[in-house]
Amino acid sequence: ATGANKYFAQVIFNNTKKGNHFMGGKIVTKSEIFIYGHIRSGRTSK
């Protein structure tokens, strides 16, 4: 999507133990996936 080489794309998985995820002060019971991406600045919003 960015046009950068594949070697700039790295993926690390972290599992959150059941009972260690809260929203609004309540334990989240549904499965969720969170992706946190660090990207070099300078790309357009598009």
ModelCIF file with pLDDT and N, C-alpha, C, O atoms, coordinates in Angstrom:
data_MODEL
#
_entry.id   MODEL 
#
_entity.id                         1 
_entity.type                       polymer 
_entity.pdbx_number_of_molecules   1 
#
_entity_poly.entity_id                      1 
_entity_poly.type                           'polypeptide(L)' 
_entity_poly.nstd_linkage                   no 
_entity_poly.nstd_monomer                   no 
_entity_poly.pdbx_seq_one_letter_code       ATGANKYFAQVIFNNTKKGNHFMGGKIVTKSEIFIYGHIRSGRTSK 
_entity_poly.pdbx_seq_one_letter_code_can   ATGANKYFAQVIFNNTKKGNHFMGGKIVTKSEIFIYGHIRSGRTSK 
_entity_poly.pdbx_strand_id                 A 
#
loop_
_entity_poly_seq.entity_id 
_entity_poly_seq.num 
_entity_poly_seq.mon_id 
_entity_poly_seq.hetero 
1 1  ALA n 
1 2  THR n 
1 3  GLY n 
1 4  ALA n 
1 5  ASN n 
1 6  LYS n 
1 7  TYR n 
1 8  PHE n 
1 9  ALA n 
1 10 GLN n 
1 11 VAL n 
1 12 ILE n 
1 13 PHE n 
1 14 ASN n 
1 15 ASN n 
1 16 THR n 
1 17 LYS n 
1 18 LYS n 
1 19 GLY n 
1 20 ASN n 
1 21 HIS n 
1 22 PHE n 
1 23 MET n 
1 24 GLY n 
1 25 GLY n 
1 26 LYS n 
1 27 ILE n 
1 28 VAL n 
1 29 THR n 
1 30 LYS n 
1 31 SER n 
1 32 GLU n 
1 33 ILE n 
1 34 PHE n 
1 35 ILE n 
1 36 TYR n 
1 37 GLY n 
1 38 HIS n 
1 39 ILE n 
1 40 ARG n 
1 41 SER n 
1 42 GLY n 
1 43 ARG n 
1 44 THR n 
1 45 SER n 
1 46 LYS n 
#
_struct_asym.id          A 
_struct_asym.entity_id   1 
#
loop_
_ma_qa_metric.id 
_ma_qa_metric.mode 
_ma_qa_metric.name 
_ma_qa_metric.software_group_id 
_ma_qa_metric.type 
1 global pLDDT . pLDDT 
2 local  pLDDT . pLDDT 
#
_ma_qa_metric_global.metric_id      1 
_ma_qa_metric_global.metric_value   91.87 
_ma_qa_metric_global.model_id       1 
_ma_qa_metric_global.ordinal_id     1 
#
loop_
_ma_qa_metric_local.label_asym_id 
_ma_qa_metric_local.label_comp_id 
_ma_qa_metric_local.label_seq_id 
_ma_qa_metric_local.metric_id 
_ma_qa_metric_local.metric_value 
_ma_qa_metric_local.model_id 
_ma_qa_metric_local.ordinal_id 
A ALA 1  2 81.00 1 1  
A THR 2  2 84.00 1 2  
A GLY 3  2 84.00 1 3  
A ALA 4  2 88.00 1 4  
A ASN 5  2 92.00 1 5  
A LYS 6  2 93.00 1 6  
A TYR 7  2 94.00 1 7  
A PHE 8  2 92.00 1 8  
A ALA 9  2 91.00 1 9  
A GLN 10 2 89.00 1 10 
A VAL 11 2 89.00 1 11 
A ILE 12 2 90.00 1 12 
A PHE 13 2 90.00 1 13 
A ASN 14 2 91.00 1 14 
A ASN 15 2 91.00 1 15 
A THR 16 2 91.00 1 16 
A LYS 17 2 91.00 1 17 
A LYS 18 2 90.00 1 18 
A GLY 19 2 92.00 1 19 
A ASN 20 2 94.00 1 20 
A HIS 21 2 93.00 1 21 
A PHE 22 2 96.00 1 22 
A MET 23 2 93.00 1 23 
A GLY 24 2 96.00 1 24 
A GLY 25 2 96.00 1 25 
A LYS 26 2 96.00 1 26 
A ILE 27 2 95.00 1 27 
A VAL 28 2 93.00 1 28 
A THR 29 2 91.00 1 29 
A LYS 30 2 90.00 1 30 
A SER 31 2 92.00 1 31 
A GLU 32 2 94.00 1 32 
A ILE 33 2 95.00 1 33 
A PHE 34 2 95.00 1 34 
A ILE 35 2 95.00 1 35 
A TYR 36 2 95.00 1 36 
A GLY 37 2 92.00 1 37 
A HIS 38 2 93.00 1 38 
A ILE 39 2 92.00 1 39 
A ARG 40 2 93.00 1 40 
A SER 41 2 93.00 1 41 
A GLY 42 2 90.00 1 42 
A ARG 43 2 91.00 1 43 
A THR 44 2 92.00 1 44 
A SER 45 2 94.00 1 45 
A LYS 46 2 94.00 1 46 
#
loop_
_atom_site.group_PDB 
_atom_site.id 
_atom_site.type_symbol 
_atom_site.label_atom_id 
_atom_site.label_alt_id 
_atom_site.label_comp_id 
_atom_site.label_asym_id 
_atom_site.label_entity_id 
_atom_site.label_seq_id 
_atom_site.pdbx_PDB_ins_code 
_atom_site.Cartn_x 
_atom_site.Cartn_y 
_atom_site.Cartn_z 
_atom_site.occupancy 
_atom_site.B_iso_or_equiv 
_atom_site.pdbx_formal_charge 
_atom_site.auth_seq_id 
_atom_site.auth_comp_id 
_atom_site.auth_asym_id 
_atom_site.auth_atom_id 
_atom_site.pdbx_PDB_model_num 
ATOM 1   N N  . ALA A 1 1  ? 0.820   -1.216  0.000  1.00 81.00 ? 1  ALA A N  1 
ATOM 2   C CA . ALA A 1 1  ? 0.000   0.000   0.000  1.00 81.00 ? 1  ALA A CA 1 
ATOM 3   C C  . ALA A 1 1  ? 0.851   1.262   0.000  1.00 81.00 ? 1  ALA A C  1 
ATOM 4   O O  . ALA A 1 1  ? 0.432   2.290   -0.532 1.00 81.00 ? 1  ALA A O  1 
ATOM 5   N N  . THR A 1 2  ? 2.042   1.196   0.590  1.00 84.00 ? 2  THR A N  1 
ATOM 6   C CA . THR A 1 2  ? 2.880   2.400   0.677  1.00 84.00 ? 2  THR A CA 1 
ATOM 7   C C  . THR A 1 2  ? 3.908   2.483   -0.435 1.00 84.00 ? 2  THR A C  1 
ATOM 8   O O  . THR A 1 2  ? 4.442   3.557   -0.711 1.00 84.00 ? 2  THR A O  1 
ATOM 9   N N  . GLY A 1 3  ? 4.188   1.363   -1.072 1.00 84.00 ? 3  GLY A N  1 
ATOM 10  C CA . GLY A 1 3  ? 5.218   1.330   -2.097 1.00 84.00 ? 3  GLY A CA 1 
ATOM 11  C C  . GLY A 1 3  ? 6.604   1.022   -1.556 1.00 84.00 ? 3  GLY A C  1 
ATOM 12  O O  . GLY A 1 3  ? 7.551   0.897   -2.332 1.00 84.00 ? 3  GLY A O  1 
ATOM 13  N N  . ALA A 1 4  ? 6.742   0.899   -0.247 1.00 88.00 ? 4  ALA A N  1 
ATOM 14  C CA . ALA A 1 4  ? 8.039   0.591   0.356  1.00 88.00 ? 4  ALA A CA 1 
ATOM 15  C C  . ALA A 1 4  ? 8.374   -0.889  0.163  1.00 88.00 ? 4  ALA A C  1 
ATOM 16  O O  . ALA A 1 4  ? 7.484   -1.711  -0.057 1.00 88.00 ? 4  ALA A O  1 
ATOM 17  N N  . ASN A 1 5  ? 9.650   -1.214  0.246  1.00 92.00 ? 5  ASN A N  1 
ATOM 18  C CA . ASN A 1 5  ? 10.099  -2.598  0.114  1.00 92.00 ? 5  ASN A CA 1 
ATOM 19  C C  . ASN A 1 5  ? 9.525   -3.463  1.235  1.00 92.00 ? 5  ASN A C  1 
ATOM 20  O O  . ASN A 1 5  ? 9.216   -2.975  2.322  1.00 92.00 ? 5  ASN A O  1 
ATOM 21  N N  . LYS A 1 6  ? 9.390   -4.757  0.944  1.00 93.00 ? 6  LYS A N  1 
ATOM 22  C CA . LYS A 1 6  ? 8.811   -5.702  1.904  1.00 93.00 ? 6  LYS A CA 1 
ATOM 23  C C  . LYS A 1 6  ? 9.601   -5.758  3.211  1.00 93.00 ? 6  LYS A C  1 
ATOM 24  O O  . LYS A 1 6  ? 9.019   -5.959  4.277  1.00 93.00 ? 6  LYS A O  1 
ATOM 25  N N  . TYR A 1 7  ? 10.907  -5.586  3.136  1.00 94.00 ? 7  TYR A N  1 
ATOM 26  C CA . TYR A 1 7  ? 11.723  -5.710  4.349  1.00 94.00 ? 7  TYR A CA 1 
ATOM 27  C C  . TYR A 1 7  ? 11.482  -4.585  5.343  1.00 94.00 ? 7  TYR A C  1 
ATOM 28  O O  . TYR A 1 7  ? 11.969  -4.653  6.472  1.00 94.00 ? 7  TYR A O  1 
ATOM 29  N N  . PHE A 1 8  ? 10.749  -3.558  4.956  1.00 92.00 ? 8  PHE A N  1 
ATOM 30  C CA . PHE A 1 8  ? 10.373  -2.508  5.910  1.00 92.00 ? 8  PHE A CA 1 
ATOM 31  C C  . PHE A 1 8  ? 9.118   -2.886  6.697  1.00 92.00 ? 8  PHE A C  1 
ATOM 32  O O  . PHE A 1 8  ? 8.804   -2.254  7.706  1.00 92.00 ? 8  PHE A O  1 
ATOM 33  N N  . ALA A 1 9  ? 8.402   -3.912  6.239  1.00 91.00 ? 9  ALA A N  1 
ATOM 34  C CA . ALA A 1 9  ? 7.173   -4.347  6.921  1.00 91.00 ? 9  ALA A CA 1 
ATOM 35  C C  . ALA A 1 9  ? 7.510   -5.475  7.893  1.00 91.00 ? 9  ALA A C  1 
ATOM 36  O O  . ALA A 1 9  ? 7.940   -6.553  7.482  1.00 91.00 ? 9  ALA A O  1 
ATOM 37  N N  . GLN A 1 10 ? 7.311   -5.220  9.175  1.00 89.00 ? 10 GLN A N  1 
ATOM 38  C CA . GLN A 1 10 ? 7.588   -6.217  10.202 1.00 89.00 ? 10 GLN A CA 1 
ATOM 39  C C  . GLN A 1 10 ? 6.329   -6.433  11.026 1.00 89.00 ? 10 GLN A C  1 
ATOM 40  O O  . GLN A 1 10 ? 5.576   -5.494  11.284 1.00 89.00 ? 10 GLN A O  1 
ATOM 41  N N  . VAL A 1 11 ? 6.105   -7.679  11.437 1.00 89.00 ? 11 VAL A N  1 
ATOM 42  C CA . VAL A 1 11 ? 4.916   -8.031  12.202 1.00 89.00 ? 11 VAL A CA 1 
ATOM 43  C C  . VAL A 1 11 ? 5.348   -8.744  13.474 1.00 89.00 ? 11 VAL A C  1 
ATOM 44  O O  . VAL A 1 11 ? 6.153   -9.675  13.439 1.00 89.00 ? 11 VAL A O  1 
ATOM 45  N N  . ILE A 1 12 ? 4.801   -8.295  14.595 1.00 90.00 ? 12 ILE A N  1 
ATOM 46  C CA . ILE A 1 12 ? 5.062   -8.917  15.895 1.00 90.00 ? 12 ILE A CA 1 
ATOM 47  C C  . ILE A 1 12 ? 3.712   -9.191  16.540 1.00 90.00 ? 12 ILE A C  1 
ATOM 48  O O  . ILE A 1 12 ? 2.870   -8.296  16.617 1.00 90.00 ? 12 ILE A O  1 
ATOM 49  N N  . PHE A 1 13 ? 3.496   -10.419 17.005 1.00 90.00 ? 13 PHE A N  1 
ATOM 50  C CA . PHE A 1 13 ? 2.244   -10.778 17.644 1.00 90.00 ? 13 PHE A CA 1 
ATOM 51  C C  . PHE A 1 13 ? 2.409   -10.763 19.159 1.00 90.00 ? 13 PHE A C  1 
ATOM 52  O O  . PHE A 1 13 ? 3.386   -11.285 19.694 1.00 90.00 ? 13 PHE A O  1 
ATOM 53  N N  . ASN A 1 14 ? 1.444   -10.159 19.837 1.00 91.00 ? 14 ASN A N  1 
ATOM 54  C CA . ASN A 1 14 ? 1.377   -10.176 21.295 1.00 91.00 ? 14 ASN A CA 1 
ATOM 55  C C  . ASN A 1 14 ? -0.015  -10.629 21.694 1.00 91.00 ? 14 ASN A C  1 
ATOM 56  O O  . ASN A 1 14 ? -1.011  -10.056 21.253 1.00 91.00 ? 14 ASN A O  1 
ATOM 57  N N  . ASN A 1 15 ? -0.083  -11.641 22.515 1.00 91.00 ? 15 ASN A N  1 
ATOM 58  C CA . ASN A 1 15 ? -1.375  -12.104 23.017 1.00 91.00 ? 15 ASN A CA 1 
ATOM 59  C C  . ASN A 1 15 ? -1.663  -11.460 24.358 1.00 91.00 ? 15 ASN A C  1 
ATOM 60  O O  . ASN A 1 15 ? -0.783  -11.348 25.212 1.00 91.00 ? 15 ASN A O  1 
ATOM 61  N N  . THR A 1 16 ? -2.902  -11.039 24.533 1.00 91.00 ? 16 THR A N  1 
ATOM 62  C CA . THR A 1 16 ? -3.339  -10.484 25.803 1.00 91.00 ? 16 THR A CA 1 
ATOM 63  C C  . THR A 1 16 ? -4.128  -11.564 26.541 1.00 91.00 ? 16 THR A C  1 
ATOM 64  O O  . THR A 1 16 ? -5.073  -12.138 25.999 1.00 91.00 ? 16 THR A O  1 
ATOM 65  N N  . LYS A 1 17 ? -3.736  -11.826 27.759 1.00 91.00 ? 17 LYS A N  1 
ATOM 66  C CA . LYS A 1 17 ? -4.431  -12.847 28.539 1.00 91.00 ? 17 LYS A CA 1 
ATOM 67  C C  . LYS A 1 17 ? -5.872  -12.427 28.817 1.00 91.00 ? 17 LYS A C  1 
ATOM 68  O O  . LYS A 1 17 ? -6.168  -11.245 28.992 1.00 91.00 ? 17 LYS A O  1 
ATOM 69  N N  . LYS A 1 18 ? -6.748  -13.409 28.852 1.00 90.00 ? 18 LYS A N  1 
ATOM 70  C CA . LYS A 1 18 ? -8.152  -13.157 29.174 1.00 90.00 ? 18 LYS A CA 1 
ATOM 71  C C  . LYS A 1 18 ? -8.232  -12.469 30.542 1.00 90.00 ? 18 LYS A C  1 
ATOM 72  O O  . LYS A 1 18 ? -7.615  -12.910 31.512 1.00 90.00 ? 18 LYS A O  1 
ATOM 73  N N  . GLY A 1 19 ? -8.988  -11.407 30.594 1.00 92.00 ? 19 GLY A N  1 
ATOM 74  C CA . GLY A 1 19 ? -9.119  -10.651 31.837 1.00 92.00 ? 19 GLY A CA 1 
ATOM 75  C C  . GLY A 1 19 ? -8.147  -9.492  31.955 1.00 92.00 ? 19 GLY A C  1 
ATOM 76  O O  . GLY A 1 19 ? -8.179  -8.764  32.946 1.00 92.00 ? 19 GLY A O  1 
ATOM 77  N N  . ASN A 1 20 ? -7.269  -9.303  30.951 1.00 94.00 ? 20 ASN A N  1 
ATOM 78  C CA . ASN A 1 20 ? -6.297  -8.213  30.978 1.00 94.00 ? 20 ASN A CA 1 
ATOM 79  C C  . ASN A 1 20 ? -6.629  -7.088  29.997 1.00 94.00 ? 20 ASN A C  1 
ATOM 80  O O  . ASN A 1 20 ? -5.780  -6.244  29.710 1.00 94.00 ? 20 ASN A O  1 
ATOM 81  N N  . HIS A 1 21 ? -7.846  -7.075  29.489 1.00 93.00 ? 21 HIS A N  1 
ATOM 82  C CA . HIS A 1 21 ? -8.261  -6.045  28.533 1.00 93.00 ? 21 HIS A CA 1 
ATOM 83  C C  . HIS A 1 21 ? -9.572  -5.432  29.029 1.00 93.00 ? 21 HIS A C  1 
ATOM 84  O O  . HIS A 1 21 ? -10.557 -6.135  29.254 1.00 93.00 ? 21 HIS A O  1 
ATOM 85  N N  . PHE A 1 22 ? -9.562  -4.116  29.192 1.00 96.00 ? 22 PHE A N  1 
ATOM 86  C CA . PHE A 1 22 ? -10.723 -3.405  29.710 1.00 96.00 ? 22 PHE A CA 1 
ATOM 87  C C  . PHE A 1 22 ? -11.119 -2.283  28.753 1.00 96.00 ? 22 PHE A C  1 
ATOM 88  O O  . PHE A 1 22 ? -10.267 -1.669  28.111 1.00 96.00 ? 22 PHE A O  1 
ATOM 89  N N  . MET A 1 23 ? -12.419 -2.025  28.668 1.00 93.00 ? 23 MET A N  1 
ATOM 90  C CA . MET A 1 23 ? -12.958 -0.858  27.968 1.00 93.00 ? 23 MET A CA 1 
ATOM 91  C C  . MET A 1 23 ? -14.022 -0.248  28.862 1.00 93.00 ? 23 MET A C  1 
ATOM 92  O O  . MET A 1 23 ? -14.940 -0.931  29.317 1.00 93.00 ? 23 MET A O  1 
ATOM 93  N N  . GLY A 1 24 ? -13.886 1.030   29.102 1.00 96.00 ? 24 GLY A N  1 
ATOM 94  C CA . GLY A 1 24 ? -14.863 1.703   29.958 1.00 96.00 ? 24 GLY A CA 1 
ATOM 95  C C  . GLY A 1 24 ? -14.921 1.122   31.358 1.00 96.00 ? 24 GLY A C  1 
ATOM 96  O O  . GLY A 1 24 ? -15.963 1.160   32.011 1.00 96.00 ? 24 GLY A O  1 
ATOM 97  N N  . GLY A 1 25 ? -13.800 0.583   31.817 1.00 96.00 ? 25 GLY A N  1 
ATOM 98  C CA . GLY A 1 25 ? -13.734 0.016   33.161 1.00 96.00 ? 25 GLY A CA 1 
ATOM 99  C C  . GLY A 1 25 ? -14.293 -1.396  33.277 1.00 96.00 ? 25 GLY A C  1 
ATOM 100 O O  . GLY A 1 25 ? -14.375 -1.942  34.377 1.00 96.00 ? 25 GLY A O  1 
ATOM 101 N N  . LYS A 1 26 ? -14.677 -1.988  32.154 1.00 96.00 ? 26 LYS A N  1 
ATOM 102 C CA . LYS A 1 26 ? -15.246 -3.347  32.161 1.00 96.00 ? 26 LYS A CA 1 
ATOM 103 C C  . LYS A 1 26 ? -14.354 -4.285  31.355 1.00 96.00 ? 26 LYS A C  1 
ATOM 104 O O  . LYS A 1 26 ? -13.750 -3.894  30.356 1.00 96.00 ? 26 LYS A O  1 
ATOM 105 N N  . ILE A 1 27 ? -14.289 -5.533  31.816 1.00 95.00 ? 27 ILE A N  1 
ATOM 106 C CA . ILE A 1 27 ? -13.492 -6.539  31.116 1.00 95.00 ? 27 ILE A CA 1 
ATOM 107 C C  . ILE A 1 27 ? -14.109 -6.806  29.752 1.00 95.00 ? 27 ILE A C  1 
ATOM 108 O O  . ILE A 1 27 ? -15.321 -6.976  29.623 1.00 95.00 ? 27 ILE A O  1 
ATOM 109 N N  . VAL A 1 28 ? -13.255 -6.839  28.742 1.00 93.00 ? 28 VAL A N  1 
ATOM 110 C CA . VAL A 1 28 ? -13.699 -7.174  27.383 1.00 93.00 ? 28 VAL A CA 1 
ATOM 111 C C  . VAL A 1 28 ? -13.763 -8.688  27.275 1.00 93.00 ? 28 VAL A C  1 
ATOM 112 O O  . VAL A 1 28 ? -12.790 -9.387  27.555 1.00 93.00 ? 28 VAL A O  1 
ATOM 113 N N  . THR A 1 29 ? -14.919 -9.180  26.867 1.00 91.00 ? 29 THR A N  1 
ATOM 114 C CA . THR A 1 29 ? -15.099 -10.627 26.763 1.00 91.00 ? 29 THR A CA 1 
ATOM 115 C C  . THR A 1 29 ? -15.101 -11.117 25.319 1.00 91.00 ? 29 THR A C  1 
ATOM 116 O O  . THR A 1 29 ? -14.928 -12.311 25.075 1.00 91.00 ? 29 THR A O  1 
ATOM 117 N N  . LYS A 1 30 ? -15.292 -10.218 24.362 1.00 90.00 ? 30 LYS A N  1 
ATOM 118 C CA . LYS A 1 30 ? -15.277 -10.602 22.947 1.00 90.00 ? 30 LYS A CA 1 
ATOM 119 C C  . LYS A 1 30 ? -13.855 -10.586 22.421 1.00 90.00 ? 30 LYS A C  1 
ATOM 120 O O  . LYS A 1 30 ? -12.988 -9.895  22.956 1.00 90.00 ? 30 LYS A O  1 
ATOM 121 N N  . SER A 1 31 ? -13.627 -11.350 21.371 1.00 92.00 ? 31 SER A N  1 
ATOM 122 C CA . SER A 1 31 ? -12.319 -11.335 20.715 1.00 92.00 ? 31 SER A CA 1 
ATOM 123 C C  . SER A 1 31 ? -12.144 -10.028 19.963 1.00 92.00 ? 31 SER A C  1 
ATOM 124 O O  . SER A 1 31 ? -13.069 -9.544  19.311 1.00 92.00 ? 31 SER A O  1 
ATOM 125 N N  . GLU A 1 32 ? -10.965 -9.469  20.057 1.00 94.00 ? 32 GLU A N  1 
ATOM 126 C CA . GLU A 1 32 ? -10.613 -8.225  19.384 1.00 94.00 ? 32 GLU A CA 1 
ATOM 127 C C  . GLU A 1 32 ? -9.207  -8.400  18.823 1.00 94.00 ? 32 GLU A C  1 
ATOM 128 O O  . GLU A 1 32 ? -8.394  -9.140  19.378 1.00 94.00 ? 32 GLU A O  1 
ATOM 129 N N  . ILE A 1 33 ? -8.935  -7.724  17.736 1.00 95.00 ? 33 ILE A N  1 
ATOM 130 C CA . ILE A 1 33 ? -7.574  -7.661  17.203 1.00 95.00 ? 33 ILE A CA 1 
ATOM 131 C C  . ILE A 1 33 ? -7.198  -6.198  17.094 1.00 95.00 ? 33 ILE A C  1 
ATOM 132 O O  . ILE A 1 33 ? -7.938  -5.388  16.536 1.00 95.00 ? 33 ILE A O  1 
ATOM 133 N N  . PHE A 1 34 ? -6.030  -5.872  17.638 1.00 95.00 ? 34 PHE A N  1 
ATOM 134 C CA . PHE A 1 34 ? -5.485  -4.522  17.581 1.00 95.00 ? 34 PHE A CA 1 
ATOM 135 C C  . PHE A 1 34 ? -4.207  -4.553  16.758 1.00 95.00 ? 34 PHE A C  1 
ATOM 136 O O  . PHE A 1 34 ? -3.317  -5.367  17.005 1.00 95.00 ? 34 PHE A O  1 
ATOM 137 N N  . ILE A 1 35 ? -4.122  -3.672  15.788 1.00 95.00 ? 35 ILE A N  1 
ATOM 138 C CA . ILE A 1 35 ? -2.914  -3.533  14.984 1.00 95.00 ? 35 ILE A CA 1 
ATOM 139 C C  . ILE A 1 35 ? -2.357  -2.140  15.253 1.00 95.00 ? 35 ILE A C  1 
ATOM 140 O O  . ILE A 1 35 ? -3.017  -1.128  15.019 1.00 95.00 ? 35 ILE A O  1 
ATOM 141 N N  . TYR A 1 36 ? -1.131  -2.119  15.748 1.00 95.00 ? 36 TYR A N  1 
ATOM 142 C CA . TYR A 1 36 ? -0.424  -0.862  15.972 1.00 95.00 ? 36 TYR A CA 1 
ATOM 143 C C  . TYR A 1 36 ? 0.701   -0.788  14.958 1.00 95.00 ? 36 TYR A C  1 
ATOM 144 O O  . TYR A 1 36 ? 1.642   -1.580  15.015 1.00 95.00 ? 36 TYR A O  1 
ATOM 145 N N  . GLY A 1 37 ? 0.615   0.142   14.044 1.00 92.00 ? 37 GLY A N  1 
ATOM 146 C CA . GLY A 1 37 ? 1.626   0.257   12.997 1.00 92.00 ? 37 GLY A CA 1 
ATOM 147 C C  . GLY A 1 37 ? 2.440   1.519   13.143 1.00 92.00 ? 37 GLY A C  1 
ATOM 148 O O  . GLY A 1 37 ? 1.900   2.615   13.300 1.00 92.00 ? 37 GLY A O  1 
ATOM 149 N N  . HIS A 1 38 ? 3.730   1.351   13.091 1.00 93.00 ? 38 HIS A N  1 
ATOM 150 C CA . HIS A 1 38 ? 4.636   2.494   13.027 1.00 93.00 ? 38 HIS A CA 1 
ATOM 151 C C  . HIS A 1 38 ? 5.014   2.663   11.568 1.00 93.00 ? 38 HIS A C  1 
ATOM 152 O O  . HIS A 1 38 ? 5.429   1.709   10.910 1.00 93.00 ? 38 HIS A O  1 
ATOM 153 N N  . ILE A 1 39 ? 4.869   3.869   11.069 1.00 92.00 ? 39 ILE A N  1 
ATOM 154 C CA . ILE A 1 39 ? 5.110   4.134   9.664  1.00 92.00 ? 39 ILE A CA 1 
ATOM 155 C C  . ILE A 1 39 ? 5.966   5.386   9.547  1.00 92.00 ? 39 ILE A C  1 
ATOM 156 O O  . ILE A 1 39 ? 5.810   6.336   10.315 1.00 92.00 ? 39 ILE A O  1 
ATOM 157 N N  . ARG A 1 40 ? 6.876   5.373   8.572  1.00 93.00 ? 40 ARG A N  1 
ATOM 158 C CA . ARG A 1 40 ? 7.676   6.570   8.355  1.00 93.00 ? 40 ARG A CA 1 
ATOM 159 C C  . ARG A 1 40 ? 6.785   7.702   7.871  1.00 93.00 ? 40 ARG A C  1 
ATOM 160 O O  . ARG A 1 40 ? 5.967   7.510   6.972  1.00 93.00 ? 40 ARG A O  1 
ATOM 161 N N  . SER A 1 41 ? 6.936   8.856   8.452  1.00 93.00 ? 41 SER A N  1 
ATOM 162 C CA . SER A 1 41 ? 6.108   10.005  8.069  1.00 93.00 ? 41 SER A CA 1 
ATOM 163 C C  . SER A 1 41 ? 6.429   10.436  6.645  1.00 93.00 ? 41 SER A C  1 
ATOM 164 O O  . SER A 1 41 ? 7.471   10.093  6.086  1.00 93.00 ? 41 SER A O  1 
ATOM 165 N N  . GLY A 1 42 ? 5.506   11.192  6.081  1.00 90.00 ? 42 GLY A N  1 
ATOM 166 C CA . GLY A 1 42 ? 5.708   11.716  4.739  1.00 90.00 ? 42 GLY A CA 1 
ATOM 167 C C  . GLY A 1 42 ? 4.740   11.142  3.717  1.00 90.00 ? 42 GLY A C  1 
ATOM 168 O O  . GLY A 1 42 ? 4.766   11.530  2.549  1.00 90.00 ? 42 GLY A O  1 
ATOM 169 N N  . ARG A 1 43 ? 3.894   10.229  4.147  1.00 91.00 ? 43 ARG A N  1 
ATOM 170 C CA . ARG A 1 43 ? 2.924   9.651   3.223  1.00 91.00 ? 43 ARG A CA 1 
ATOM 171 C C  . ARG A 1 43 ? 1.604   10.413  3.303  1.00 91.00 ? 43 ARG A C  1 
ATOM 172 O O  . ARG A 1 43 ? 1.280   11.016  4.327  1.00 91.00 ? 43 ARG A O  1 
ATOM 173 N N  . THR A 1 44 ? 0.862   10.376  2.225  1.00 92.00 ? 44 THR A N  1 
ATOM 174 C CA . THR A 1 44 ? -0.409  11.098  2.164  1.00 92.00 ? 44 THR A CA 1 
ATOM 175 C C  . THR A 1 44 ? -1.480  10.387  2.974  1.00 92.00 ? 44 THR A C  1 
ATOM 176 O O  . THR A 1 44 ? -1.366  9.200   3.281  1.00 92.00 ? 44 THR A O  1 
ATOM 177 N N  . SER A 1 45 ? -2.513  11.126  3.309  1.00 94.00 ? 45 SER A N  1 
ATOM 178 C CA . SER A 1 45 ? -3.660  10.528  4.002  1.00 94.00 ? 45 SER A CA 1 
ATOM 179 C C  . SER A 1 45 ? -4.292  9.441   3.150  1.00 94.00 ? 45 SER A C  1 
ATOM 180 O O  . SER A 1 45 ? -4.757  8.432   3.680  1.00 94.00 ? 45 SER A O  1 
ATOM 181 N N  . LYS A 1 46 ? -4.316  9.631   1.846  1.00 94.00 ? 46 LYS A N  1 
ATOM 182 C CA . LYS A 1 46 ? -4.897  8.634   0.936  1.00 94.00 ? 46 LYS A CA 1 
ATOM 183 C C  . LYS A 1 46 ? -4.162  7.299   1.056  1.00 94.00 ? 46 LYS A C  1 
ATOM 184 O O  . LYS A 1 46 ? -4.508  6.339   0.368  1.00 94.00 ? 46 LYS A O  1 
#
